[in-house]
């Protein structure tokens, strides 16, 4: 029987940490990416991340990806372990509510609404406005990128060895990236 990979939501700022090689954040980001690359996780984000990673305004600085990095950005978002959800009217209505109820900035509300709409229980971010909301939503944990203990301890190499089946019936997981 196929098992579904755990999914987690990535705010655009987490993608930027990787794309911009932000050394002070890379250890947390690399650990999650390693698990995703090994098929242990599925990373979910909103289609608004495609735009937000190009230029993210911050209070004291502007984080910007140059046009010369276009292929790098496109290739990264095409990875099989990244699932992009379209920002649709239902998600927009939820985001609008979060702006009114929690005083969020537009993009933060859009990310939180996407994670909430798709029932994701983990939202990874470095954005303090979102981190401050952790505990206010009963079904979603908002934190820096992190891994559950069982994933931290795994070395992400199939213990059965190369060429061995990865499940009890010998047929492989049969899992797809579809969620």
C-alpha atoms as a PDB file:
ATOM      1  CA  UNK A   1       0.000   0.000   0.000  1.00  0.00           C
ATOM      2  CA  UNK A   2       1.338   3.435  -0.922  1.00  0.00           C
ATOM      3  CA  UNK A   3       1.901   5.928   1.834  1.00  0.00           C
ATOM      4  CA  UNK A   4       1.439   9.637   1.339  1.00  0.00           C
ATOM      5  CA  UNK A   5       4.392  11.870   2.052  1.00  0.00           C
ATOM      6  CA  UNK A   6       3.902  14.499   4.712  1.00  0.00           C
ATOM      7  CA  UNK A   7       3.370  17.931   3.172  1.00  0.00           C
ATOM      8  CA  UNK A   8       4.475  21.290   4.492  1.00  0.00           C
ATOM      9  CA  UNK A   9       3.959  24.799   3.246  1.00  0.00           C
ATOM     10  CA  UNK A  10       6.937  26.995   2.339  1.00  0.00           C
ATOM     11  CA  UNK A  11       6.578  30.753   2.471  1.00  0.00           C
ATOM     12  CA  UNK A  12       8.451  32.580  -0.321  1.00  0.00           C
ATOM     13  CA  UNK A  13      11.063  33.785   2.176  1.00  0.00           C
ATOM     14  CA  UNK A  14      12.204  30.178   2.692  1.00  0.00           C
ATOM     15  CA  UNK A  15      12.702  29.703  -1.048  1.00  0.00           C
ATOM     16  CA  UNK A  16      14.607  32.977  -1.110  1.00  0.00           C
ATOM     17  CA  UNK A  17      16.914  31.802   1.671  1.00  0.00           C
ATOM     18  CA  UNK A  18      17.933  28.921  -0.597  1.00  0.00           C
ATOM     19  CA  UNK A  19      17.989  30.814  -3.888  1.00  0.00           C
ATOM     20  CA  UNK A  20      19.992  33.717  -2.417  1.00  0.00           C
ATOM     21  CA  UNK A  21      22.291  31.362  -0.468  1.00  0.00           C
ATOM     22  CA  UNK A  22      21.576  33.116   2.846  1.00  0.00           C
ATOM     23  CA  UNK A  23      24.224  31.444   4.982  1.00  0.00           C
ATOM     24  CA  UNK A  24      22.562  32.162   8.343  1.00  0.00           C
ATOM     25  CA  UNK A  25      19.453  30.235   7.262  1.00  0.00           C
ATOM     26  CA  UNK A  26      20.850  27.483   5.063  1.00  0.00           C
ATOM     27  CA  UNK A  27      21.238  24.769   7.704  1.00  0.00           C
ATOM     28  CA  UNK A  28      17.502  24.779   8.452  1.00  0.00           C
ATOM     29  CA  UNK A  29      16.552  24.991   4.773  1.00  0.00           C
ATOM     30  CA  UNK A  30      19.032  22.297   3.639  1.00  0.00           C
ATOM     31  CA  UNK A  31      17.732  19.778   6.173  1.00  0.00           C
ATOM     32  CA  UNK A  32      14.167  20.093   4.862  1.00  0.00           C
ATOM     33  CA  UNK A  33      15.299  20.080   1.220  1.00  0.00           C
ATOM     34  CA  UNK A  34      17.351  16.945   1.819  1.00  0.00           C
ATOM     35  CA  UNK A  35      14.269  15.176   3.183  1.00  0.00           C
ATOM     36  CA  UNK A  36      12.167  16.399   0.242  1.00  0.00           C
ATOM     37  CA  UNK A  37      14.767  15.284  -2.295  1.00  0.00           C
ATOM     38  CA  UNK A  38      14.789  11.855  -0.640  1.00  0.00           C
ATOM     39  CA  UNK A  39      11.011  11.574  -1.054  1.00  0.00           C
ATOM     40  CA  UNK A  40      10.268  12.050   2.647  1.00  0.00           C
ATOM     41  CA  UNK A  41       8.379  15.345   2.240  1.00  0.00           C
ATOM     42  CA  UNK A  42       6.361  17.314  -0.270  1.00  0.00           C
ATOM     43  CA  UNK A  43       6.871  21.080  -0.239  1.00  0.00           C
ATOM     44  CA  UNK A  44       3.748  23.084  -1.062  1.00  0.00           C
ATOM     45  CA  UNK A  45       3.630  26.780  -1.911  1.00  0.00           C
ATOM     46  CA  UNK A  46       1.336  29.303  -3.527  1.00  0.00           C
ATOM     47  CA  UNK A  47       1.724  30.463  -7.093  1.00  0.00           C
ATOM     48  CA  UNK A  48       2.335  33.927  -5.634  1.00  0.00           C
ATOM     49  CA  UNK A  49       5.767  32.655  -4.551  1.00  0.00           C
ATOM     50  CA  UNK A  50       6.823  32.705  -8.221  1.00  0.00           C
ATOM     51  CA  UNK A  51       6.534  36.479  -8.125  1.00  0.00           C
ATOM     52  CA  UNK A  52       7.508  37.112  -4.543  1.00  0.00           C
ATOM     53  CA  UNK A  53      10.913  35.429  -4.868  1.00  0.00           C
ATOM     54  CA  UNK A  54      11.885  37.989  -7.498  1.00  0.00           C
ATOM     55  CA  UNK A  55      11.569  40.944  -5.152  1.00  0.00           C
ATOM     56  CA  UNK A  56      10.744  40.754  -1.482  1.00  0.00           C
ATOM     57  CA  UNK A  57      10.521  44.105   0.270  1.00  0.00           C
ATOM     58  CA  UNK A  58      11.625  44.149   3.870  1.00  0.00           C
ATOM     59  CA  UNK A  59      11.604  47.012   6.345  1.00  0.00           C
ATOM     60  CA  UNK A  60      15.365  47.556   6.187  1.00  0.00           C
ATOM     61  CA  UNK A  61      16.371  46.008   2.876  1.00  0.00           C
ATOM     62  CA  UNK A  62      15.089  44.755  -0.426  1.00  0.00           C
ATOM     63  CA  UNK A  63      15.869  41.160  -1.316  1.00  0.00           C
ATOM     64  CA  UNK A  64      15.922  40.913  -5.071  1.00  0.00           C
ATOM     65  CA  UNK A  65      16.729  38.190  -7.577  1.00  0.00           C
ATOM     66  CA  UNK A  66      18.141  39.572 -10.831  1.00  0.00           C
ATOM     67  CA  UNK A  67      16.590  38.697 -14.196  1.00  0.00           C
ATOM     68  CA  UNK A  68      19.729  36.688 -14.941  1.00  0.00           C
ATOM     69  CA  UNK A  69      18.507  34.169 -12.309  1.00  0.00           C
ATOM     70  CA  UNK A  70      15.258  33.474 -14.170  1.00  0.00           C
ATOM     71  CA  UNK A  71      16.244  29.945 -15.236  1.00  0.00           C
ATOM     72  CA  UNK A  72      17.508  29.138 -11.738  1.00  0.00           C
ATOM     73  CA  UNK A  73      14.134  30.152 -10.265  1.00  0.00           C
ATOM     74  CA  UNK A  74      12.092  28.311 -12.908  1.00  0.00           C
ATOM     75  CA  UNK A  75      14.166  25.131 -12.593  1.00  0.00           C
ATOM     76  CA  UNK A  76      13.898  25.152  -8.814  1.00  0.00           C
ATOM     77  CA  UNK A  77      10.090  25.417  -8.806  1.00  0.00           C
ATOM     78  CA  UNK A  78       9.856  22.527 -11.314  1.00  0.00           C
ATOM     79  CA  UNK A  79      11.395  20.031  -8.911  1.00  0.00           C
ATOM     80  CA  UNK A  80       9.196  16.995  -8.359  1.00  0.00           C
ATOM     81  CA  UNK A  81       8.953  17.536  -4.611  1.00  0.00           C
ATOM     82  CA  UNK A  82       7.497  21.055  -4.955  1.00  0.00           C
ATOM     83  CA  UNK A  83       3.736  21.328  -5.425  1.00  0.00           C
ATOM     84  CA  UNK A  84       2.422  24.760  -6.418  1.00  0.00           C
ATOM     85  CA  UNK A  85      -1.161  25.680  -5.550  1.00  0.00           C
ATOM     86  CA  UNK A  86      -2.929  28.350  -7.578  1.00  0.00           C
ATOM     87  CA  UNK A  87      -4.090  31.385  -5.656  1.00  0.00           C
ATOM     88  CA  UNK A  88      -7.822  31.148  -6.288  1.00  0.00           C
ATOM     89  CA  UNK A  89     -10.910  33.138  -5.166  1.00  0.00           C
ATOM     90  CA  UNK A  90     -11.593  30.934  -2.109  1.00  0.00           C
ATOM     91  CA  UNK A  91      -8.030  31.390  -0.914  1.00  0.00           C
ATOM     92  CA  UNK A  92      -8.257  35.131  -1.582  1.00  0.00           C
ATOM     93  CA  UNK A  93     -11.374  35.413   0.583  1.00  0.00           C
ATOM     94  CA  UNK A  94      -9.601  33.614   3.406  1.00  0.00           C
ATOM     95  CA  UNK A  95      -6.535  35.858   3.012  1.00  0.00           C
ATOM     96  CA  UNK A  96      -8.727  38.941   3.191  1.00  0.00           C
ATOM     97  CA  UNK A  97     -10.182  37.663   6.478  1.00  0.00           C
ATOM     98  CA  UNK A  98      -6.677  37.127   7.863  1.00  0.00           C
ATOM     99  CA  UNK A  99      -5.748  40.715   6.985  1.00  0.00           C
ATOM    100  CA  UNK A 100      -8.778  42.016   8.885  1.00  0.00           C
ATOM    101  CA  UNK A 101      -8.583  39.582  11.809  1.00  0.00           C
ATOM    102  CA  UNK A 102      -4.810  39.478  12.357  1.00  0.00           C
ATOM    103  CA  UNK A 103      -3.510  42.672  10.742  1.00  0.00           C
ATOM    104  CA  UNK A 104      -1.298  40.736   8.320  1.00  0.00           C
ATOM    105  CA  UNK A 105       0.408  42.199   5.290  1.00  0.00           C
ATOM    106  CA  UNK A 106      -1.149  41.080   2.002  1.00  0.00           C
ATOM    107  CA  UNK A 107       1.508  38.538   1.015  1.00  0.00           C
ATOM    108  CA  UNK A 108       1.716  37.014   4.497  1.00  0.00           C
ATOM    109  CA  UNK A 109      -2.059  36.597   4.504  1.00  0.00           C
ATOM    110  CA  UNK A 110      -1.909  34.982   1.058  1.00  0.00           C
ATOM    111  CA  UNK A 111       0.615  32.392   2.229  1.00  0.00           C
ATOM    112  CA  UNK A 112      -1.197  31.603   5.463  1.00  0.00           C
ATOM    113  CA  UNK A 113      -4.508  31.317   3.605  1.00  0.00           C
ATOM    114  CA  UNK A 114      -3.024  28.920   1.053  1.00  0.00           C
ATOM    115  CA  UNK A 115      -1.594  26.689   3.787  1.00  0.00           C
ATOM    116  CA  UNK A 116      -4.865  26.799   5.698  1.00  0.00           C
ATOM    117  CA  UNK A 117      -7.083  26.187   2.664  1.00  0.00           C
ATOM    118  CA  UNK A 118      -5.150  23.068   1.731  1.00  0.00           C
ATOM    119  CA  UNK A 119      -5.149  21.778   5.334  1.00  0.00           C
ATOM    120  CA  UNK A 120      -1.371  21.798   5.696  1.00  0.00           C
ATOM    121  CA  UNK A 121      -0.319  21.398   9.311  1.00  0.00           C
ATOM    122  CA  UNK A 122       3.151  22.954   8.972  1.00  0.00           C
ATOM    123  CA  UNK A 123       4.007  26.387   7.570  1.00  0.00           C
ATOM    124  CA  UNK A 124       7.731  27.117   7.277  1.00  0.00           C
ATOM    125  CA  UNK A 125       8.752  30.766   7.315  1.00  0.00           C
ATOM    126  CA  UNK A 126      11.341  33.208   8.597  1.00  0.00           C
ATOM    127  CA  UNK A 127       8.793  36.031   8.627  1.00  0.00           C
ATOM    128  CA  UNK A 128       8.261  37.251  12.181  1.00  0.00           C
ATOM    129  CA  UNK A 129       4.695  38.455  11.465  1.00  0.00           C
ATOM    130  CA  UNK A 130       3.703  34.883  10.629  1.00  0.00           C
ATOM    131  CA  UNK A 131       5.818  33.331  13.394  1.00  0.00           C
ATOM    132  CA  UNK A 132       3.980  35.500  15.915  1.00  0.00           C
ATOM    133  CA  UNK A 133       0.726  33.768  14.906  1.00  0.00           C
ATOM    134  CA  UNK A 134       1.938  30.306  15.913  1.00  0.00           C
ATOM    135  CA  UNK A 135      -0.567  28.817  18.349  1.00  0.00           C
ATOM    136  CA  UNK A 136      -3.457  30.979  17.129  1.00  0.00           C
ATOM    137  CA  UNK A 137      -4.522  28.408  14.535  1.00  0.00           C
ATOM    138  CA  UNK A 138      -5.304  25.017  16.089  1.00  0.00           C
ATOM    139  CA  UNK A 139      -4.456  22.970  12.995  1.00  0.00           C
ATOM    140  CA  UNK A 140      -1.279  24.630  11.769  1.00  0.00           C
ATOM    141  CA  UNK A 141       2.188  24.993  13.260  1.00  0.00           C
ATOM    142  CA  UNK A 142       4.081  28.078  12.091  1.00  0.00           C
ATOM    143  CA  UNK A 143       7.841  27.906  12.578  1.00  0.00           C
ATOM    144  CA  UNK A 144      11.240  28.087  10.954  1.00  0.00           C
ATOM    145  CA  UNK A 145      11.925  25.145   8.637  1.00  0.00           C
ATOM    146  CA  UNK A 146      12.373  22.138  10.898  1.00  0.00           C
ATOM    147  CA  UNK A 147      12.009  18.409  10.809  1.00  0.00           C
ATOM    148  CA  UNK A 148      10.249  15.969  13.109  1.00  0.00           C
ATOM    149  CA  UNK A 149      12.701  13.916  15.156  1.00  0.00           C
ATOM    150  CA  UNK A 150      12.183  10.781  13.065  1.00  0.00           C
ATOM    151  CA  UNK A 151      13.231  12.637   9.904  1.00  0.00           C
ATOM    152  CA  UNK A 152      16.174  14.391  11.564  1.00  0.00           C
ATOM    153  CA  UNK A 153      17.612  11.049  12.608  1.00  0.00           C
ATOM    154  CA  UNK A 154      17.174   9.359   9.231  1.00  0.00           C
ATOM    155  CA  UNK A 155      20.056   9.482   6.798  1.00  0.00           C
ATOM    156  CA  UNK A 156      17.569   9.420   3.894  1.00  0.00           C
ATOM    157  CA  UNK A 157      19.213   6.454   2.215  1.00  0.00           C
ATOM    158  CA  UNK A 158      17.038   3.445   1.485  1.00  0.00           C
ATOM    159  CA  UNK A 159      18.111   0.959   4.139  1.00  0.00           C
ATOM    160  CA  UNK A 160      17.146  -1.974   1.910  1.00  0.00           C
ATOM    161  CA  UNK A 161      20.002  -0.994  -0.391  1.00  0.00           C
ATOM    162  CA  UNK A 162      20.100  -0.256  -4.100  1.00  0.00           C
ATOM    163  CA  UNK A 163      17.659  -2.195  -6.224  1.00  0.00           C
ATOM    164  CA  UNK A 164      15.600  -3.394  -3.266  1.00  0.00           C
ATOM    165  CA  UNK A 165      11.876  -2.790  -2.901  1.00  0.00           C
ATOM    166  CA  UNK A 166      10.947   0.021  -0.545  1.00  0.00           C
ATOM    167  CA  UNK A 167       7.778  -1.466   0.915  1.00  0.00           C
ATOM    168  CA  UNK A 168       6.413  -4.677   2.306  1.00  0.00           C
ATOM    169  CA  UNK A 169       4.749  -6.013  -0.844  1.00  0.00           C
ATOM    170  CA  UNK A 170       7.866  -5.479  -2.978  1.00  0.00           C
ATOM    171  CA  UNK A 171       6.125  -3.177  -5.430  1.00  0.00           C
ATOM    172  CA  UNK A 172       7.610   0.162  -4.390  1.00  0.00           C
ATOM    173  CA  UNK A 173       5.536   2.976  -2.987  1.00  0.00           C
ATOM    174  CA  UNK A 174       3.723   3.854  -6.205  1.00  0.00           C
ATOM    175  CA  UNK A 175       3.462   7.364  -4.855  1.00  0.00           C
ATOM    176  CA  UNK A 176       3.233  10.362  -7.082  1.00  0.00           C
ATOM    177  CA  UNK A 177       3.763  14.032  -6.349  1.00  0.00           C
ATOM    178  CA  UNK A 178       0.037  14.592  -6.711  1.00  0.00           C
ATOM    179  CA  UNK A 179      -1.690  15.773  -3.559  1.00  0.00           C
END
